[in-house]
C-alpha atoms as a PDB file:
ATOM      1  CA  MET A   1      12.790 -69.243 -12.179  1.00  0.00           C
ATOM      2  CA  GLU A   2      10.428 -67.735 -14.749  1.00  0.00           C
ATOM      3  CA  ALA A   3       8.105 -66.576 -11.965  1.00  0.00           C
ATOM      4  CA  VAL A   4      11.009 -64.810 -10.251  1.00  0.00           C
ATOM      5  CA  ARG A   5      11.962 -63.027 -13.482  1.00  0.00           C
ATOM      6  CA  ARG A   6       8.378 -62.009 -14.088  1.00  0.00           C
ATOM      7  CA  SER A   7       8.129 -60.643 -10.538  1.00  0.00           C
ATOM      8  CA  ALA A   8      11.370 -58.689 -11.011  1.00  0.00           C
ATOM      9  CA  ARG A   9      10.080 -57.160 -14.266  1.00  0.00           C
ATOM     10  CA  VAL A  10       6.844 -56.138 -12.569  1.00  0.00           C
ATOM     11  CA  ARG A  11       8.732 -54.480  -9.719  1.00  0.00           C
ATOM     12  CA  THR A  12      10.957 -52.657 -12.189  1.00  0.00           C
ATOM     13  CA  ARG A  13       7.923 -51.290 -14.033  1.00  0.00           C
ATOM     14  CA  VAL A  14       5.978 -50.380 -10.893  1.00  0.00           C
ATOM     15  CA  LYS A  15       8.838 -48.762  -8.928  1.00  0.00           C
ATOM     16  CA  PRO A  16       8.890 -45.420 -10.848  1.00  0.00           C
ATOM     17  CA  TYR A  17       5.171 -44.959 -10.254  1.00  0.00           C
ATOM     18  CA  LEU A  18       5.612 -45.591  -6.542  1.00  0.00           C
ATOM     19  CA  TYR A  19       8.158 -42.784  -6.392  1.00  0.00           C
ATOM     20  CA  ILE A  20       5.792 -40.253  -7.953  1.00  0.00           C
ATOM     21  CA  LEU A  21       2.703 -41.496  -6.100  1.00  0.00           C
ATOM     22  CA  PRO A  22       3.092 -39.249  -2.999  1.00  0.00           C
ATOM     23  CA  MET A  23       3.627 -36.111  -5.087  1.00  0.00           C
ATOM     24  CA  SER A  24       0.760 -37.056  -7.405  1.00  0.00           C
ATOM     25  CA  ALA A  25      -1.542 -37.548  -4.423  1.00  0.00           C
ATOM     26  CA  LEU A  26      -0.582 -34.148  -2.979  1.00  0.00           C
ATOM     27  CA  ALA A  27      -1.046 -32.457  -6.373  1.00  0.00           C
ATOM     28  CA  LEU A  28      -4.448 -34.089  -6.788  1.00  0.00           C
ATOM     29  CA  LEU A  29      -5.514 -33.047  -3.296  1.00  0.00           C
ATOM     30  CA  PHE A  30      -4.175 -29.480  -3.192  1.00  0.00           C
ATOM     31  CA  VAL A  31      -4.056 -28.417  -6.869  1.00  0.00           C
ATOM     32  CA  TYR A  32      -6.396 -30.291  -9.195  1.00  0.00           C
ATOM     33  CA  TYR A  33      -9.290 -30.844  -6.779  1.00  0.00           C
ATOM     34  CA  PRO A  34      -9.430 -27.152  -5.695  1.00  0.00           C
ATOM     35  CA  PHE A  35      -9.179 -26.076  -9.339  1.00  0.00           C
ATOM     36  CA  LEU A  36     -12.081 -28.362 -10.319  1.00  0.00           C
ATOM     37  CA  LYS A  37     -14.085 -27.098  -7.351  1.00  0.00           C
ATOM     38  CA  THR A  38     -13.410 -23.511  -8.402  1.00  0.00           C
ATOM     39  CA  VAL A  39     -14.700 -24.250 -11.909  1.00  0.00           C
ATOM     40  CA  ILE A  40     -17.859 -25.799 -10.461  1.00  0.00           C
ATOM     41  CA  TYR A  41     -18.393 -22.840  -8.104  1.00  0.00           C
ATOM     42  CA  SER A  42     -18.013 -20.373 -10.988  1.00  0.00           C
ATOM     43  CA  LEU A  43     -20.890 -22.060 -12.799  1.00  0.00           C
ATOM     44  CA  SER A  44     -23.145 -22.322  -9.755  1.00  0.00           C
ATOM     45  CA  VAL A  45     -25.060 -20.307  -7.210  1.00  0.00           C
ATOM     46  CA  VAL A  46     -23.301 -20.859  -3.868  1.00  0.00           C
ATOM     47  CA  ASN A  47     -24.650 -19.800  -0.474  1.00  0.00           C
ATOM     48  CA  ALA A  48     -22.649 -18.319   2.404  1.00  0.00           C
ATOM     49  CA  LYS A  49     -21.922 -21.797   3.760  1.00  0.00           C
ATOM     50  CA  GLY A  50     -20.191 -22.831   0.550  1.00  0.00           C
ATOM     51  CA  GLU A  51     -23.049 -25.090  -0.523  1.00  0.00           C
ATOM     52  CA  ILE A  52     -24.117 -25.235  -4.170  1.00  0.00           C
ATOM     53  CA  VAL A  53     -27.737 -24.110  -4.473  1.00  0.00           C
ATOM     54  CA  SER A  54     -28.335 -24.235  -8.224  1.00  0.00           C
ATOM     55  CA  PHE A  55     -26.664 -24.182 -11.609  1.00  0.00           C
ATOM     56  CA  ALA A  56     -25.988 -20.680 -12.957  1.00  0.00           C
ATOM     57  CA  GLY A  57     -24.102 -21.328 -16.185  1.00  0.00           C
ATOM     58  CA  LEU A  58     -22.196 -18.324 -17.477  1.00  0.00           C
ATOM     59  CA  SER A  59     -24.384 -15.754 -15.731  1.00  0.00           C
ATOM     60  CA  ASN A  60     -21.779 -15.337 -12.961  1.00  0.00           C
ATOM     61  CA  PHE A  61     -19.183 -14.331 -15.554  1.00  0.00           C
ATOM     62  CA  ALA A  62     -21.651 -11.952 -17.218  1.00  0.00           C
ATOM     63  CA  TYR A  63     -22.303 -10.330 -13.847  1.00  0.00           C
ATOM     64  CA  LEU A  64     -18.565 -10.094 -13.162  1.00  0.00           C
ATOM     65  CA  PHE A  65     -17.715  -8.510 -16.519  1.00  0.00           C
ATOM     66  CA  GLY A  66     -20.429  -5.908 -16.016  1.00  0.00           C
ATOM     67  CA  ARG A  67     -19.058  -4.672 -12.690  1.00  0.00           C
ATOM     68  CA  ARG A  68     -16.996  -1.483 -12.613  1.00  0.00           C
ATOM     69  CA  GLU A  69     -14.930  -2.910  -9.777  1.00  0.00           C
ATOM     70  CA  PHE A  70     -13.781  -5.743 -12.036  1.00  0.00           C
ATOM     71  CA  LYS A  71     -12.783  -3.352 -14.825  1.00  0.00           C
ATOM     72  CA  ALA A  72     -10.772  -1.280 -12.353  1.00  0.00           C
ATOM     73  CA  ALA A  73      -9.137  -4.394 -10.882  1.00  0.00           C
ATOM     74  CA  LEU A  74      -8.278  -5.731 -14.349  1.00  0.00           C
ATOM     75  CA  SER A  75      -6.757  -2.405 -15.399  1.00  0.00           C
ATOM     76  CA  ASN A  76      -4.740  -2.123 -12.175  1.00  0.00           C
ATOM     77  CA  THR A  77      -3.476  -5.701 -12.436  1.00  0.00           C
ATOM     78  CA  LEU A  78      -2.325  -5.351 -16.045  1.00  0.00           C
ATOM     79  CA  THR A  79      -0.721  -1.982 -15.275  1.00  0.00           C
ATOM     80  CA  LEU A  80       1.133  -3.486 -12.344  1.00  0.00           C
ATOM     81  CA  ALA A  81       2.287  -6.499 -14.364  1.00  0.00           C
ATOM     82  CA  PHE A  82       3.384  -4.707 -17.537  1.00  0.00           C
ATOM     83  CA  ILE A  83       5.320  -2.030 -15.650  1.00  0.00           C
ATOM     84  CA  ASN A  84       6.755  -4.169 -12.869  1.00  0.00           C
ATOM     85  CA  VAL A  85       8.188  -6.950 -15.037  1.00  0.00           C
ATOM     86  CA  PRO A  86      10.158  -4.849 -17.607  1.00  0.00           C
ATOM     87  CA  VAL A  87      11.470  -2.442 -14.955  1.00  0.00           C
ATOM     88  CA  THR A  88      12.598  -5.275 -12.674  1.00  0.00           C
ATOM     89  CA  LEU A  89      14.208  -7.082 -15.616  1.00  0.00           C
ATOM     90  CA  VAL A  90      16.212  -4.046 -16.718  1.00  0.00           C
ATOM     91  CA  ILE A  91      17.392  -3.265 -13.198  1.00  0.00           C
ATOM     92  CA  THR A  92      18.385  -6.815 -12.280  1.00  0.00           C
ATOM     93  CA  ILE A  93      20.081  -7.558 -15.622  1.00  0.00           C
ATOM     94  CA  ALA A  94      22.143  -4.392 -15.186  1.00  0.00           C
ATOM     95  CA  LEU A  95      23.031  -5.248 -11.589  1.00  0.00           C
ATOM     96  CA  GLY A  96      23.858  -8.851 -12.479  1.00  0.00           C
ATOM     97  CA  TYR A  97      26.129  -7.748 -15.310  1.00  0.00           C
ATOM     98  CA  LEU A  98      27.902  -5.107 -13.225  1.00  0.00           C
ATOM     99  CA  ALA A  99      28.513  -7.602 -10.425  1.00  0.00           C
ATOM    100  CA  SER A 100      29.502 -10.514 -12.679  1.00  0.00           C
ATOM    101  CA  ARG A 101      33.217  -9.739 -12.456  1.00  0.00           C
ATOM    102  CA  LYS A 102      34.590 -10.593  -9.041  1.00  0.00           C
ATOM    103  CA  ARG A 103      36.344  -7.752  -7.289  1.00  0.00           C
ATOM    104  CA  PHE A 104      37.633  -7.007  -3.802  1.00  0.00           C
ATOM    105  CA  LEU A 105      34.294  -5.607  -2.587  1.00  0.00           C
ATOM    106  CA  SER A 106      32.117  -8.090  -4.498  1.00  0.00           C
ATOM    107  CA  PRO A 107      30.715  -9.802  -1.356  1.00  0.00           C
ATOM    108  CA  VAL A 108      29.612  -6.418  -0.007  1.00  0.00           C
ATOM    109  CA  TYR A 109      27.556  -5.127  -2.924  1.00  0.00           C
ATOM    110  CA  GLU A 110      26.344  -8.611  -3.864  1.00  0.00           C
ATOM    111  CA  SER A 111      24.851  -8.889  -0.373  1.00  0.00           C
ATOM    112  CA  MET A 112      23.301  -5.427  -0.710  1.00  0.00           C
ATOM    113  CA  PHE A 113      21.711  -6.238  -4.068  1.00  0.00           C
ATOM    114  CA  ALA A 114      20.377  -9.572  -2.750  1.00  0.00           C
ATOM    115  CA  LEU A 115      19.070  -8.063   0.498  1.00  0.00           C
ATOM    116  CA  PRO A 116      15.364  -7.953  -0.530  1.00  0.00           C
ATOM    117  CA  VAL A 117      15.355 -11.784  -0.527  1.00  0.00           C
ATOM    118  CA  ALA A 118      15.805 -11.747   3.257  1.00  0.00           C
ATOM    119  CA  VAL A 119      12.958  -9.287   3.921  1.00  0.00           C
ATOM    120  CA  SER A 120       9.403 -10.527   4.248  1.00  0.00           C
ATOM    121  CA  MET A 121       6.662  -8.885   2.240  1.00  0.00           C
ATOM    122  CA  SER A 122       4.791  -7.554   5.270  1.00  0.00           C
ATOM    123  CA  ALA A 123       7.950  -6.081   6.801  1.00  0.00           C
ATOM    124  CA  ALA A 124       8.914  -4.449   3.495  1.00  0.00           C
ATOM    125  CA  ALA A 125       5.402  -3.025   3.137  1.00  0.00           C
ATOM    126  CA  LEU A 126       5.570  -1.425   6.573  1.00  0.00           C
ATOM    127  CA  ILE A 127       9.036  -0.021   5.812  1.00  0.00           C
ATOM    128  CA  PHE A 128       7.774   1.554   2.593  1.00  0.00           C
ATOM    129  CA  LYS A 129       4.725   2.870   4.413  1.00  0.00           C
ATOM    130  CA  VAL A 130       7.053   4.785   6.746  1.00  0.00           C
ATOM    131  CA  LEU A 131       9.420   5.918   3.970  1.00  0.00           C
ATOM    132  CA  LEU A 132       6.532   7.196   1.845  1.00  0.00           C
ATOM    133  CA  ASN A 133       4.617   8.805   4.682  1.00  0.00           C
ATOM    134  CA  PRO A 134       3.300  12.127   3.320  1.00  0.00           C
ATOM    135  CA  THR A 135       4.335  14.182   6.375  1.00  0.00           C
ATOM    136  CA  ALA A 136       7.235  12.358   8.072  1.00  0.00           C
ATOM    137  CA  GLY A 137       8.482  10.159   5.220  1.00  0.00           C
ATOM    138  CA  LEU A 138      12.137  10.254   4.208  1.00  0.00           C
ATOM    139  CA  VAL A 139      11.393  10.191   0.458  1.00  0.00           C
ATOM    140  CA  ASN A 140       9.254  13.335   0.487  1.00  0.00           C
ATOM    141  CA  TYR A 141      11.814  15.076   2.695  1.00  0.00           C
ATOM    142  CA  LEU A 142      14.865  14.233   0.593  1.00  0.00           C
ATOM    143  CA  PHE A 143      13.300  15.013  -2.781  1.00  0.00           C
ATOM    144  CA  HIS A 144      11.157  17.950  -1.569  1.00  0.00           C
ATOM    145  CA  LEU A 145       7.946  16.260  -2.688  1.00  0.00           C
ATOM    146  CA  ASP A 146       4.398  16.764  -1.536  1.00  0.00           C
ATOM    147  CA  PHE A 147       2.897  13.419  -2.529  1.00  0.00           C
ATOM    148  CA  GLY A 148       0.312  11.596  -0.473  1.00  0.00           C
ATOM    149  CA  TRP A 149       1.541   8.264  -1.878  1.00  0.00           C
ATOM    150  CA  TYR A 150      -0.717   5.545  -0.433  1.00  0.00           C
ATOM    151  CA  GLN A 151      -3.316   8.108   0.662  1.00  0.00           C
ATOM    152  CA  ASP A 152      -3.695   9.616  -2.819  1.00  0.00           C
ATOM    153  CA  ARG A 153      -5.395   7.725  -5.657  1.00  0.00           C
ATOM    154  CA  ASN A 154      -3.017   9.345  -8.178  1.00  0.00           C
ATOM    155  CA  THR A 155       0.154   8.032  -6.510  1.00  0.00           C
ATOM    156  CA  ALA A 156      -0.972   4.906  -4.649  1.00  0.00           C
ATOM    157  CA  MET A 157      -0.228   2.551  -7.547  1.00  0.00           C
ATOM    158  CA  ALA A 158       3.206   4.169  -7.985  1.00  0.00           C
ATOM    159  CA  GLY A 159       3.929   3.393  -4.334  1.00  0.00           C
ATOM    160  CA  ILE A 160       2.863  -0.223  -4.818  1.00  0.00           C
ATOM    161  CA  LEU A 161       5.086  -0.479  -7.905  1.00  0.00           C
ATOM    162  CA  LEU A 162       8.091   0.857  -5.993  1.00  0.00           C
ATOM    163  CA  LEU A 163       7.576  -1.799  -3.344  1.00  0.00           C
ATOM    164  CA  THR A 164       7.033  -4.713  -5.729  1.00  0.00           C
ATOM    165  CA  VAL A 165      10.009  -3.774  -7.906  1.00  0.00           C
ATOM    166  CA  TRP A 166      12.268  -3.552  -4.859  1.00  0.00           C
ATOM    167  CA  MET A 167      10.979  -6.886  -3.558  1.00  0.00           C
ATOM    168  CA  GLY A 168      11.764  -8.562  -6.884  1.00  0.00           C
ATOM    169  CA  ILE A 169      15.342  -7.353  -7.161  1.00  0.00           C
ATOM    170  CA  GLY A 170      16.990  -9.796  -4.749  1.00  0.00           C
ATOM    171  CA  LEU A 171      16.196 -13.186  -6.267  1.00  0.00           C
ATOM    172  CA  ASN A 172      16.335 -11.946  -9.851  1.00  0.00           C
ATOM    173  CA  PHE A 173      19.757 -10.419  -9.226  1.00  0.00           C
ATOM    174  CA  LEU A 174      21.077 -13.744  -7.932  1.00  0.00           C
ATOM    175  CA  LEU A 175      19.706 -15.568 -10.983  1.00  0.00           C
ATOM    176  CA  PHE A 176      21.232 -13.126 -13.474  1.00  0.00           C
ATOM    177  CA  LEU A 177      24.510 -12.998 -11.575  1.00  0.00           C
ATOM    178  CA  SER A 178      24.807 -16.778 -11.866  1.00  0.00           C
ATOM    179  CA  ALA A 179      23.806 -16.655 -15.550  1.00  0.00           C
ATOM    180  CA  PHE A 180      26.373 -14.004 -16.461  1.00  0.00           C
ATOM    181  CA  ARG A 181      29.149 -15.795 -14.587  1.00  0.00           C
ATOM    182  CA  ALA A 182      28.311 -19.001 -16.440  1.00  0.00           C
ATOM    183  CA  VAL A 183      28.978 -17.336 -19.821  1.00  0.00           C
ATOM    184  CA  PRO A 184      32.462 -18.394 -20.999  1.00  0.00           C
ATOM    185  CA  GLN A 185      34.835 -15.448 -20.836  1.00  0.00           C
ATOM    186  CA  ASP A 186      36.688 -16.833 -23.868  1.00  0.00           C
ATOM    187  CA  LEU A 187      33.793 -15.809 -26.127  1.00  0.00           C
ATOM    188  CA  ALA A 188      33.985 -12.208 -24.984  1.00  0.00           C
ATOM    189  CA  ASP A 189      37.781 -12.195 -25.276  1.00  0.00           C
ATOM    190  CA  CYS A 190      37.549 -13.411 -28.878  1.00  0.00           C
ATOM    191  CA  ALA A 191      35.028 -10.665 -29.622  1.00  0.00           C
ATOM    192  CA  TYR A 192      37.349  -8.057 -28.139  1.00  0.00           C
ATOM    193  CA  LEU A 193      40.177  -9.323 -30.334  1.00  0.00           C
ATOM    194  CA  ASP A 194      37.925  -8.928 -33.386  1.00  0.00           C
ATOM    195  CA  GLY A 195      37.325  -5.292 -32.491  1.00  0.00           C
ATOM    196  CA  ALA A 196      34.003  -5.518 -30.626  1.00  0.00           C
ATOM    197  CA  ASN A 197      33.385  -3.056 -27.815  1.00  0.00           C
ATOM    198  CA  GLU A 198      31.736  -3.696 -24.442  1.00  0.00           C
ATOM    199  CA  ALA A 199      28.213  -2.860 -25.640  1.00  0.00           C
ATOM    200  CA  GLN A 200      28.480  -5.175 -28.658  1.00  0.00           C
ATOM    201  CA  THR A 201      29.720  -8.120 -26.580  1.00  0.00           C
ATOM    202  CA  PHE A 202      26.898  -7.525 -24.089  1.00  0.00           C
ATOM    203  CA  PHE A 203      24.028  -7.366 -26.587  1.00  0.00           C
ATOM    204  CA  ARG A 204      25.319  -9.914 -29.126  1.00  0.00           C
ATOM    205  CA  ILE A 205      27.056 -12.495 -26.917  1.00  0.00           C
ATOM    206  CA  ARG A 206      26.210 -12.303 -23.230  1.00  0.00           C
ATOM    207  CA  LEU A 207      22.528 -11.350 -23.450  1.00  0.00           C
ATOM    208  CA  PRO A 208      21.576 -14.040 -26.032  1.00  0.00           C
ATOM    209  CA  LEU A 209      23.382 -16.695 -23.978  1.00  0.00           C
ATOM    210  CA  ILE A 210      21.333 -15.913 -20.863  1.00  0.00           C
ATOM    211  CA  ALA A 211      18.029 -15.883 -22.804  1.00  0.00           C
ATOM    212  CA  PRO A 212      16.690 -18.969 -20.950  1.00  0.00           C
ATOM    213  CA  THR A 213      17.214 -17.178 -17.633  1.00  0.00           C
ATOM    214  CA  ILE A 214      15.507 -14.062 -18.996  1.00  0.00           C
ATOM    215  CA  LEU A 215      12.517 -16.168 -20.082  1.00  0.00           C
ATOM    216  CA  TYR A 216      12.311 -17.900 -16.697  1.00  0.00           C
ATOM    217  CA  VAL A 217      12.524 -14.633 -14.763  1.00  0.00           C
ATOM    218  CA  SER A 218       9.991 -12.962 -17.076  1.00  0.00           C
ATOM    219  CA  CYS A 219       7.463 -15.779 -16.613  1.00  0.00           C
ATOM    220  CA  THR A 220       7.861 -16.055 -12.841  1.00  0.00           C
ATOM    221  CA  ASN A 221       7.749 -12.279 -12.381  1.00  0.00           C
ATOM    222  CA  MET A 222       4.660 -12.010 -14.573  1.00  0.00           C
ATOM    223  CA  ILE A 223       2.900 -14.685 -12.553  1.00  0.00           C
ATOM    224  CA  GLN A 224       3.835 -12.987  -9.279  1.00  0.00           C
ATOM    225  CA  ALA A 225       2.714  -9.602 -10.596  1.00  0.00           C
ATOM    226  CA  MET A 226      -0.639 -11.009 -11.699  1.00  0.00           C
ATOM    227  CA  MET A 227      -1.037 -12.552  -8.229  1.00  0.00           C
ATOM    228  CA  THR A 228      -0.209  -9.364  -6.323  1.00  0.00           C
ATOM    229  CA  SER A 229      -2.345  -8.998  -3.217  1.00  0.00           C
ATOM    230  CA  GLY A 230      -0.073  -8.894  -0.134  1.00  0.00           C
ATOM    231  CA  PRO A 231       1.032  -5.249  -0.450  1.00  0.00           C
ATOM    232  CA  ILE A 232      -2.567  -4.250  -1.164  1.00  0.00           C
ATOM    233  CA  LEU A 233      -3.791  -5.980   1.991  1.00  0.00           C
ATOM    234  CA  VAL A 234      -1.141  -4.370   4.182  1.00  0.00           C
ATOM    235  CA  LEU A 235      -0.992  -0.867   2.710  1.00  0.00           C
ATOM    236  CA  THR A 236      -4.132   0.272   0.889  1.00  0.00           C
ATOM    237  CA  GLN A 237      -6.941  -2.331   1.122  1.00  0.00           C
ATOM    238  CA  GLY A 238      -7.679  -1.611  -2.528  1.00  0.00           C
ATOM    239  CA  GLY A 239      -7.994   2.147  -2.119  1.00  0.00           C
ATOM    240  CA  PRO A 240      -8.105   4.981  -2.387  1.00  0.00           C
ATOM    241  CA  SER A 241     -11.182   4.808  -4.621  1.00  0.00           C
ATOM    242  CA  ARG A 242     -10.215   1.315  -5.930  1.00  0.00           C
ATOM    243  CA  SER A 243      -7.038   2.733  -7.444  1.00  0.00           C
ATOM    244  CA  THR A 244      -5.006  -0.247  -6.173  1.00  0.00           C
ATOM    245  CA  THR A 245      -7.608  -3.009  -6.271  1.00  0.00           C
ATOM    246  CA  THR A 246      -6.166  -6.018  -8.118  1.00  0.00           C
ATOM    247  CA  LEU A 247      -7.899  -9.156  -9.364  1.00  0.00           C
ATOM    248  CA  VAL A 248      -6.550 -11.314  -6.552  1.00  0.00           C
ATOM    249  CA  TYR A 249      -7.516  -8.719  -3.938  1.00  0.00           C
ATOM    250  CA  MET A 250     -10.996  -8.561  -5.472  1.00  0.00           C
ATOM    251  CA  MET A 251     -11.149 -12.352  -5.259  1.00  0.00           C
ATOM    252  CA  TYR A 252     -10.176 -12.151  -1.583  1.00  0.00           C
ATOM    253  CA  THR A 253     -12.778  -9.547  -0.694  1.00  0.00           C
ATOM    254  CA  SER A 254     -15.487 -11.316  -2.692  1.00  0.00           C
ATOM    255  CA  GLY A 255     -14.818 -14.689  -1.091  1.00  0.00           C
ATOM    256  CA  TYR A 256     -13.743 -13.928   2.460  1.00  0.00           C
ATOM    257  CA  SER A 257     -15.381 -10.581   3.171  1.00  0.00           C
ATOM    258  CA  SER A 258     -18.640 -10.904   1.242  1.00  0.00           C
ATOM    259  CA  ALA A 259     -18.949 -14.732   1.124  1.00  0.00           C
ATOM    260  CA  ASN A 260     -19.733 -14.454  -2.594  1.00  0.00           C
ATOM    261  CA  TYR A 261     -17.889 -17.641  -3.520  1.00  0.00           C
ATOM    262  CA  SER A 262     -19.275 -17.785  -7.047  1.00  0.00           C
ATOM    263  CA  LEU A 263     -17.912 -14.336  -7.870  1.00  0.00           C
ATOM    264  CA  ALA A 264     -14.570 -15.137  -6.229  1.00  0.00           C
ATOM    265  CA  ALA A 265     -14.303 -18.321  -8.293  1.00  0.00           C
ATOM    266  CA  CYS A 266     -14.988 -16.385 -11.505  1.00  0.00           C
ATOM    267  CA  VAL A 267     -12.316 -13.824 -10.655  1.00  0.00           C
ATOM    268  CA  SER A 268      -9.775 -16.542  -9.906  1.00  0.00           C
ATOM    269  CA  LEU A 269     -10.460 -18.296 -13.223  1.00  0.00           C
ATOM    270  CA  VAL A 270     -10.169 -15.044 -15.182  1.00  0.00           C
ATOM    271  CA  THR A 271      -6.851 -14.341 -13.444  1.00  0.00           C
ATOM    272  CA  PHE A 272      -5.650 -17.848 -14.207  1.00  0.00           C
ATOM    273  CA  ALA A 273      -6.631 -17.547 -17.869  1.00  0.00           C
ATOM    274  CA  LEU A 274      -4.926 -14.166 -18.294  1.00  0.00           C
ATOM    275  CA  THR A 275      -1.748 -15.392 -16.604  1.00  0.00           C
ATOM    276  CA  LEU A 276      -1.700 -18.517 -18.760  1.00  0.00           C
ATOM    277  CA  VAL A 277      -2.161 -16.540 -21.990  1.00  0.00           C
ATOM    278  CA  ILE A 278       0.590 -14.057 -21.102  1.00  0.00           C
ATOM    279  CA  THR A 279       2.984 -16.854 -20.105  1.00  0.00           C
ATOM    280  CA  LEU A 280       2.343 -18.743 -23.342  1.00  0.00           C
ATOM    281  CA  ALA A 281       2.897 -15.508 -25.278  1.00  0.00           C
ATOM    282  CA  LEU A 282       6.287 -15.090 -23.598  1.00  0.00           C
ATOM    283  CA  TYR A 283       7.212 -18.648 -24.541  1.00  0.00           C
ATOM    284  CA  ALA A 284       6.091 -18.035 -28.127  1.00  0.00           C
ATOM    285  CA  LEU A 285       8.220 -14.888 -28.346  1.00  0.00           C
ATOM    286  CA  GLN A 286      11.217 -16.820 -27.060  1.00  0.00           C
ATOM    287  CA  GLU A 287      10.681 -19.601 -29.609  1.00  0.00           C
ATOM    288  CA  ARG A 288      10.312 -17.082 -32.444  1.00  0.00           C
ATOM    289  CA  ARG A 289      13.516 -15.307 -31.375  1.00  0.00           C
ATOM    290  CA  ARG A 290      15.398 -18.617 -31.243  1.00  0.00           C
ATOM    291  CA  ASP A 291      14.107 -19.704 -34.668  1.00  0.00           C
ATOM    292  CA  SER A 292      15.128 -16.396 -36.225  1.00  0.00           C
ATOM    293  CA  GLN A 293      18.728 -16.789 -35.140  1.00  0.00           C
END
């Protein structure tokens, strides 16, 4: 009887680990092992076959930081991230709030606001390439503009920003719509009875209550912005004159086009470190805001 009890206790203790074993194995194989290999490559001299030739230490990073292409890619990536995220947040919070009250035509404009979710990145990039065509594009025609957009180094990044902001509206709108509808209406009604207007209830009641959603959307959008490469590949290939080269696109060209795996590994680690620091800073700001309340 004691042996049976002991066996049952062992099974009870082991069972949770068996459940997480498949996911742990996949994470080890596809996340932690590639990350460790990237770290090793960044500190080594690697030939075109992906074989480590010798140890290089930090000389790969010194070479990377001295390249003008890296400085341009870093500047473009940070510009893209710190413009894309706030603009997308403001737009989607406004749309989510405006659509939070159900009306007769709610399904219509909710579907329109969420439409970017159903469009693939490559399809959206080609659509924007046609819309922003300098000679036959609808945008230049309607607004009487003479911009080259993706052909001009002064406007290419603006065109990429328009695309990435539009692509981010759909999912973010759905998240904020759900968050606003989850706020108890009784709180707003009590505020109205105390003399508060619509703006006061929005900034002092509704917005603080959806702060966790704002933090989540800010972090995920920042990560996606730092990882931007798809629109660059489809539309500009980093040009004109490196005006749209991002860190991830530089990593791609270094690794797959030039077979410089050491440089690509360094770029990927720098991108990872920057994204981690920015994400932790967003969490710290959220914690400070919560503590001050």
